[in-house]
Amino acid sequence: MKTKARIADLRVMTDDQLDDEALKLKKEQFNLRFQRASGQLQDTARVRVVRRDIARVQTLAAQKRAAKKEG
């Protein structure tokens, strides 16, 4: 259920907001990778969640850009 609410929130964002969200998630992904390498990572499932969130944001951004080109 959280995913559907998250996607609904992402759909109402502008292109710039989506880019900012992707940047934020990539920074979090970097920090999680660093924590994993140093043995400090507690929530290992978060790595997978962040990776999928990045893909969702990039997909929605691409869809919005394609829609702008068409019409």
PDB file of N, CA and C in Angstrom:
ATOM      1  N   MET A   1       0.825  -1.201   0.000  1.00  0.00           N
ATOM      2  CA  MET A   1       0.000   0.000   0.000  1.00  0.00           C
ATOM      3  C   MET A   1       0.866   1.261   0.000  1.00  0.00           C
ATOM      4  N   LYS A   2       1.991   1.214   0.651  1.00  0.00           N
ATOM      5  CA  LYS A   2       2.868   2.378   0.680  1.00  0.00           C
ATOM      6  C   LYS A   2       3.344   2.746  -0.713  1.00  0.00           C
ATOM      7  N   THR A   3       3.587   1.735  -1.532  1.00  0.00           N
ATOM      8  CA  THR A   3       4.101   1.977  -2.870  1.00  0.00           C
ATOM      9  C   THR A   3       3.102   2.746  -3.721  1.00  0.00           C
ATOM     10  N   LYS A   4       1.837   2.385  -3.631  1.00  0.00           N
ATOM     11  CA  LYS A   4       0.824   3.086  -4.428  1.00  0.00           C
ATOM     12  C   LYS A   4       0.701   4.536  -4.004  1.00  0.00           C
ATOM     13  N   ALA A   5       0.771   4.793  -2.715  1.00  0.00           N
ATOM     14  CA  ALA A   5       0.713   6.168  -2.227  1.00  0.00           C
ATOM     15  C   ALA A   5       1.955   6.936  -2.670  1.00  0.00           C
ATOM     16  N   ARG A   6       3.094   6.260  -2.642  1.00  0.00           N
ATOM     17  CA  ARG A   6       4.351   6.890  -3.057  1.00  0.00           C
ATOM     18  C   ARG A   6       4.299   7.255  -4.541  1.00  0.00           C
ATOM     19  N   ILE A   7       3.785   6.355  -5.354  1.00  0.00           N
ATOM     20  CA  ILE A   7       3.689   6.623  -6.792  1.00  0.00           C
ATOM     21  C   ILE A   7       2.726   7.781  -7.054  1.00  0.00           C
ATOM     22  N   ALA A   8       1.634   7.825  -6.321  1.00  0.00           N
ATOM     23  CA  ALA A   8       0.677   8.923  -6.480  1.00  0.00           C
ATOM     24  C   ALA A   8       1.332  10.260  -6.135  1.00  0.00           C
ATOM     25  N   ASP A   9       2.155  10.272  -5.096  1.00  0.00           N
ATOM     26  CA  ASP A   9       2.876  11.490  -4.725  1.00  0.00           C
ATOM     27  C   ASP A   9       3.856  11.894  -5.820  1.00  0.00           C
ATOM     28  N   LEU A  10       4.525  10.912  -6.408  1.00  0.00           N
ATOM     29  CA  LEU A  10       5.509  11.210  -7.447  1.00  0.00           C
ATOM     30  C   LEU A  10       4.851  11.718  -8.725  1.00  0.00           C
ATOM     31  N   ARG A  11       3.667  11.222  -9.036  1.00  0.00           N
ATOM     32  CA  ARG A  11       2.989  11.621 -10.269  1.00  0.00           C
ATOM     33  C   ARG A  11       2.620  13.103 -10.287  1.00  0.00           C
ATOM     34  N   VAL A  12       2.379  13.706  -9.122  1.00  0.00           N
ATOM     35  CA  VAL A  12       1.986  15.112  -9.088  1.00  0.00           C
ATOM     36  C   VAL A  12       3.186  16.053  -9.055  1.00  0.00           C
ATOM     37  N   MET A  13       4.388  15.504  -8.971  1.00  0.00           N
ATOM     38  CA  MET A  13       5.590  16.343  -8.939  1.00  0.00           C
ATOM     39  C   MET A  13       5.929  16.866 -10.334  1.00  0.00           C
ATOM     40  N   THR A  14       6.586  18.005 -10.353  1.00  0.00           N
ATOM     41  CA  THR A  14       7.063  18.560 -11.621  1.00  0.00           C
ATOM     42  C   THR A  14       8.358  17.857 -12.019  1.00  0.00           C
ATOM     43  N   ASP A  15       8.827  18.148 -13.228  1.00  0.00           N
ATOM     44  CA  ASP A  15      10.082  17.541 -13.692  1.00  0.00           C
ATOM     45  C   ASP A  15      11.249  17.903 -12.784  1.00  0.00           C
ATOM     46  N   ASP A  16      11.313  19.159 -12.371  1.00  0.00           N
ATOM     47  CA  ASP A  16      12.405  19.594 -11.493  1.00  0.00           C
ATOM     48  C   ASP A  16      12.339  18.897 -10.138  1.00  0.00           C
ATOM     49  N   GLN A  17      11.129  18.738  -9.618  1.00  0.00           N
ATOM     50  CA  GLN A  17      10.980  18.058  -8.343  1.00  0.00           C
ATOM     51  C   GLN A  17      11.384  16.594  -8.451  1.00  0.00           C
ATOM     52  N   LEU A  18      11.055  15.963  -9.575  1.00  0.00           N
ATOM     53  CA  LEU A  18      11.456  14.577  -9.785  1.00  0.00           C
ATOM     54  C   LEU A  18      12.975  14.456  -9.875  1.00  0.00           C
ATOM     55  N   ASP A  19      13.608  15.419 -10.546  1.00  0.00           N
ATOM     56  CA  ASP A  19      15.066  15.404 -10.631  1.00  0.00           C
ATOM     57  C   ASP A  19      15.695  15.568  -9.246  1.00  0.00           C
ATOM     58  N   ASP A  20      15.129  16.458  -8.438  1.00  0.00           N
ATOM     59  CA  ASP A  20      15.623  16.653  -7.077  1.00  0.00           C
ATOM     60  C   ASP A  20      15.442  15.391  -6.237  1.00  0.00           C
ATOM     61  N   GLU A  21      14.305  14.738  -6.409  1.00  0.00           N
ATOM     62  CA  GLU A  21      14.026  13.505  -5.667  1.00  0.00           C
ATOM     63  C   GLU A  21      15.005  12.407  -6.074  1.00  0.00           C
ATOM     64  N   ALA A  22      15.297  12.299  -7.371  1.00  0.00           N
ATOM     65  CA  ALA A  22      16.257  11.298  -7.847  1.00  0.00           C
ATOM     66  C   ALA A  22      17.647  11.575  -7.276  1.00  0.00           C
ATOM     67  N   LEU A  23      18.024  12.835  -7.234  1.00  0.00           N
ATOM     68  CA  LEU A  23      19.327  13.207  -6.672  1.00  0.00           C
ATOM     69  C   LEU A  23      19.398  12.850  -5.187  1.00  0.00           C
ATOM     70  N   LYS A  24      18.336  13.132  -4.458  1.00  0.00           N
ATOM     71  CA  LYS A  24      18.288  12.805  -3.029  1.00  0.00           C
ATOM     72  C   LYS A  24      18.421  11.296  -2.813  1.00  0.00           C
ATOM     73  N   LEU A  25      17.702  10.532  -3.629  1.00  0.00           N
ATOM     74  CA  LEU A  25      17.757   9.081  -3.497  1.00  0.00           C
ATOM     75  C   LEU A  25      19.133   8.525  -3.869  1.00  0.00           C
ATOM     76  N   LYS A  26      19.776   9.112  -4.872  1.00  0.00           N
ATOM     77  CA  LYS A  26      21.112   8.654  -5.252  1.00  0.00           C
ATOM     78  C   LYS A  26      22.131   8.947  -4.151  1.00  0.00           C
ATOM     79  N   LYS A  27      21.972  10.072  -3.476  1.00  0.00           N
ATOM     80  CA  LYS A  27      22.851  10.378  -2.336  1.00  0.00           C
ATOM     81  C   LYS A  27      22.631   9.372  -1.211  1.00  0.00           C
ATOM     82  N   GLU A  28      21.361   9.035  -0.967  1.00  0.00           N
ATOM     83  CA  GLU A  28      21.066   8.040   0.056  1.00  0.00           C
ATOM     84  C   GLU A  28      21.650   6.687  -0.331  1.00  0.00           C
ATOM     85  N   GLN A  29      21.555   6.338  -1.604  1.00  0.00           N
ATOM     86  CA  GLN A  29      22.110   5.074  -2.075  1.00  0.00           C
ATOM     87  C   GLN A  29      23.630   5.045  -1.867  1.00  0.00           C
ATOM     88  N   PHE A  30      24.281   6.142  -2.153  1.00  0.00           N
ATOM     89  CA  PHE A  30      25.726   6.232  -1.937  1.00  0.00           C
ATOM     90  C   PHE A  30      26.056   6.024  -0.468  1.00  0.00           C
ATOM     91  N   ASN A  31      25.317   6.696   0.405  1.00  0.00           N
ATOM     92  CA  ASN A  31      25.564   6.558   1.838  1.00  0.00           C
ATOM     93  C   ASN A  31      25.325   5.130   2.324  1.00  0.00           C
ATOM     94  N   LEU A  32      24.294   4.493   1.788  1.00  0.00           N
ATOM     95  CA  LEU A  32      24.015   3.106   2.162  1.00  0.00           C
ATOM     96  C   LEU A  32      25.134   2.173   1.690  1.00  0.00           C
ATOM     97  N   ARG A  33      25.635   2.407   0.488  1.00  0.00           N
ATOM     98  CA  ARG A  33      26.755   1.590  -0.008  1.00  0.00           C
ATOM     99  C   ARG A  33      27.985   1.776   0.866  1.00  0.00           C
ATOM    100  N   PHE A  34      28.220   3.004   1.275  1.00  0.00           N
ATOM    101  CA  PHE A  34      29.366   3.297   2.136  1.00  0.00           C
ATOM    102  C   PHE A  34      29.200   2.605   3.486  1.00  0.00           C
ATOM    103  N   GLN A  35      28.000   2.655   4.042  1.00  0.00           N
ATOM    104  CA  GLN A  35      27.740   1.989   5.320  1.00  0.00           C
ATOM    105  C   GLN A  35      27.910   0.481   5.197  1.00  0.00           C
ATOM    106  N   ARG A  36      27.455  -0.082   4.084  1.00  0.00           N
ATOM    107  CA  ARG A  36      27.592  -1.527   3.895  1.00  0.00           C
ATOM    108  C   ARG A  36      29.068  -1.920   3.826  1.00  0.00           C
ATOM    109  N   ALA A  37      29.849  -1.138   3.110  1.00  0.00           N
ATOM    110  CA  ALA A  37      31.269  -1.450   2.952  1.00  0.00           C
ATOM    111  C   ALA A  37      32.018  -1.366   4.284  1.00  0.00           C
ATOM    112  N   SER A  38      31.596  -0.450   5.140  1.00  0.00           N
ATOM    113  CA  SER A  38      32.282  -0.283   6.424  1.00  0.00           C
ATOM    114  C   SER A  38      31.663  -1.141   7.525  1.00  0.00           C
ATOM    115  N   GLY A  39      30.626  -1.902   7.189  1.00  0.00           N
ATOM    116  CA  GLY A  39      30.025  -2.795   8.167  1.00  0.00           C
ATOM    117  C   GLY A  39      29.076  -2.131   9.144  1.00  0.00           C
ATOM    118  N   GLN A  40      28.587  -0.938   8.827  1.00  0.00           N
ATOM    119  CA  GLN A  40      27.719  -0.190   9.730  1.00  0.00           C
ATOM    120  C   GLN A  40      26.247  -0.222   9.326  1.00  0.00           C
ATOM    121  N   LEU A  41      25.942  -0.891   8.236  1.00  0.00           N
ATOM    122  CA  LEU A  41      24.571  -0.888   7.723  1.00  0.00           C
ATOM    123  C   LEU A  41      23.672  -1.773   8.580  1.00  0.00           C
ATOM    124  N   GLN A  42      22.608  -1.202   9.116  1.00  0.00           N
ATOM    125  CA  GLN A  42      21.670  -1.946   9.950  1.00  0.00           C
ATOM    126  C   GLN A  42      20.510  -2.485   9.136  1.00  0.00           C
ATOM    127  N   ASP A  43      19.896  -1.632   8.331  1.00  0.00           N
ATOM    128  CA  ASP A  43      18.711  -2.001   7.557  1.00  0.00           C
ATOM    129  C   ASP A  43      19.122  -2.353   6.126  1.00  0.00           C
ATOM    130  N   THR A  44      19.462  -3.611   5.910  1.00  0.00           N
ATOM    131  CA  THR A  44      19.961  -4.015   4.597  1.00  0.00           C
ATOM    132  C   THR A  44      18.880  -3.959   3.517  1.00  0.00           C
ATOM    133  N   ALA A  45      17.631  -4.086   3.889  1.00  0.00           N
ATOM    134  CA  ALA A  45      16.538  -4.038   2.914  1.00  0.00           C
ATOM    135  C   ALA A  45      16.381  -2.643   2.320  1.00  0.00           C
ATOM    136  N   ARG A  46      16.855  -1.642   3.009  1.00  0.00           N
ATOM    137  CA  ARG A  46      16.723  -0.260   2.539  1.00  0.00           C
ATOM    138  C   ARG A  46      17.451  -0.058   1.205  1.00  0.00           C
ATOM    139  N   VAL A  47      18.545  -0.788   0.996  1.00  0.00           N
ATOM    140  CA  VAL A  47      19.311  -0.674  -0.253  1.00  0.00           C
ATOM    141  C   VAL A  47      18.409  -1.011  -1.433  1.00  0.00           C
ATOM    142  N   ARG A  48      17.666  -2.096  -1.314  1.00  0.00           N
ATOM    143  CA  ARG A  48      16.766  -2.529  -2.385  1.00  0.00           C
ATOM    144  C   ARG A  48      15.628  -1.539  -2.595  1.00  0.00           C
ATOM    145  N   VAL A  49      15.068  -1.033  -1.508  1.00  0.00           N
ATOM    146  CA  VAL A  49      13.957  -0.087  -1.592  1.00  0.00           C
ATOM    147  C   VAL A  49      14.397   1.197  -2.290  1.00  0.00           C
ATOM    148  N   VAL A  50      15.564   1.696  -1.935  1.00  0.00           N
ATOM    149  CA  VAL A  50      16.062   2.935  -2.537  1.00  0.00           C
ATOM    150  C   VAL A  50      16.341   2.732  -4.015  1.00  0.00           C
ATOM    151  N   ARG A  51      16.921   1.583  -4.366  1.00  0.00           N
ATOM    152  CA  ARG A  51      17.208   1.301  -5.774  1.00  0.00           C
ATOM    153  C   ARG A  51      15.920   1.287  -6.596  1.00  0.00           C
ATOM    154  N   ARG A  52      14.888   0.683  -6.060  1.00  0.00           N
ATOM    155  CA  ARG A  52      13.613   0.630  -6.777  1.00  0.00           C
ATOM    156  C   ARG A  52      12.947   2.005  -6.826  1.00  0.00           C
ATOM    157  N   ASP A  53      13.077   2.799  -5.769  1.00  0.00           N
ATOM    158  CA  ASP A  53      12.524   4.157  -5.781  1.00  0.00           C
ATOM    159  C   ASP A  53      13.200   5.010  -6.850  1.00  0.00           C
ATOM    160  N   ILE A  54      14.511   4.847  -7.000  1.00  0.00           N
ATOM    161  CA  ILE A  54      15.233   5.581  -8.047  1.00  0.00           C
ATOM    162  C   ILE A  54      14.674   5.204  -9.414  1.00  0.00           C
ATOM    163  N   ALA A  55      14.444   3.928  -9.634  1.00  0.00           N
ATOM    164  CA  ALA A  55      13.892   3.472 -10.916  1.00  0.00           C
ATOM    165  C   ALA A  55      12.498   4.043 -11.141  1.00  0.00           C
ATOM    166  N   ARG A  56      11.675   4.084 -10.083  1.00  0.00           N
ATOM    167  CA  ARG A  56      10.328   4.651 -10.214  1.00  0.00           C
ATOM    168  C   ARG A  56      10.388   6.128 -10.611  1.00  0.00           C
ATOM    169  N   VAL A  57      11.244   6.870  -9.939  1.00  0.00           N
ATOM    170  CA  VAL A  57      11.357   8.304 -10.218  1.00  0.00           C
ATOM    171  C   VAL A  57      11.832   8.528 -11.646  1.00  0.00           C
ATOM    172  N   GLN A  58      12.848   7.773 -12.066  1.00  0.00           N
ATOM    173  CA  GLN A  58      13.365   7.935 -13.418  1.00  0.00           C
ATOM    174  C   GLN A  58      12.327   7.540 -14.469  1.00  0.00           C
ATOM    175  N   THR A  59      11.554   6.512 -14.194  1.00  0.00           N
ATOM    176  CA  THR A  59      10.515   6.085 -15.125  1.00  0.00           C
ATOM    177  C   THR A  59       9.440   7.157 -15.268  1.00  0.00           C
ATOM    178  N   LEU A  60       8.982   7.693 -14.144  1.00  0.00           N
ATOM    179  CA  LEU A  60       7.953   8.737 -14.209  1.00  0.00           C
ATOM    180  C   LEU A  60       8.480   9.995 -14.898  1.00  0.00           C
ATOM    181  N   ALA A  61       9.735  10.338 -14.656  1.00  0.00           N
ATOM    182  CA  ALA A  61      10.317  11.510 -15.307  1.00  0.00           C
ATOM    183  C   ALA A  61      10.373  11.294 -16.827  1.00  0.00           C
ATOM    184  N   ALA A  62      10.749  10.101 -17.241  1.00  0.00           N
ATOM    185  CA  ALA A  62      10.809   9.800 -18.676  1.00  0.00           C
ATOM    186  C   ALA A  62       9.422   9.836 -19.299  1.00  0.00           C
ATOM    187  N   GLN A  63       8.429   9.331 -18.584  1.00  0.00           N
ATOM    188  CA  GLN A  63       7.063   9.364 -19.091  1.00  0.00           C
ATOM    189  C   GLN A  63       6.563  10.791 -19.248  1.00  0.00           C
ATOM    190  N   LYS A  64       6.881  11.638 -18.287  1.00  0.00           N
ATOM    191  CA  LYS A  64       6.454  13.044 -18.366  1.00  0.00           C
ATOM    192  C   LYS A  64       7.132  13.750 -19.533  1.00  0.00           C
ATOM    193  N   ARG A  65       8.421  13.476 -19.731  1.00  0.00           N
ATOM    194  CA  ARG A  65       9.132  14.112 -20.841  1.00  0.00           C
ATOM    195  C   ARG A  65       8.569  13.639 -22.185  1.00  0.00           C
ATOM    196  N   ALA A  66       8.244  12.353 -22.279  1.00  0.00           N
ATOM    197  CA  ALA A  66       7.667  11.831 -23.520  1.00  0.00           C
ATOM    198  C   ALA A  66       6.298  12.431 -23.790  1.00  0.00           C
ATOM    199  N   ALA A  67       5.522  12.625 -22.742  1.00  0.00           N
ATOM    200  CA  ALA A  67       4.207  13.220 -22.899  1.00  0.00           C
ATOM    201  C   ALA A  67       4.309  14.672 -23.359  1.00  0.00           C
ATOM    202  N   LYS A  68       5.330  15.378 -22.865  1.00  0.00           N
ATOM    203  CA  LYS A  68       5.523  16.770 -23.302  1.00  0.00           C
ATOM    204  C   LYS A  68       5.901  16.834 -24.776  1.00  0.00           C
ATOM    205  N   LYS A  69       6.715  15.892 -25.223  1.00  0.00           N
ATOM    206  CA  LYS A  69       7.120  15.898 -26.621  1.00  0.00           C
ATOM    207  C   LYS A  69       5.948  15.621 -27.550  1.00  0.00           C
ATOM    208  N   GLU A  70       5.062  14.729 -27.122  1.00  0.00           N
ATOM    209  CA  GLU A  70       3.906  14.380 -27.951  1.00  0.00           C
ATOM    210  C   GLU A  70       2.885  15.504 -28.036  1.00  0.00           C
ATOM    211  N   GLY A  71       2.665  16.131 -26.905  1.00  0.00           N
ATOM    212  CA  GLY A  71       1.589  17.114 -26.951  1.00  0.00           C
ATOM    213  C   GLY A  71       1.903  18.272 -26.172  1.00  0.00           C
TER     214      GLY A  71
END
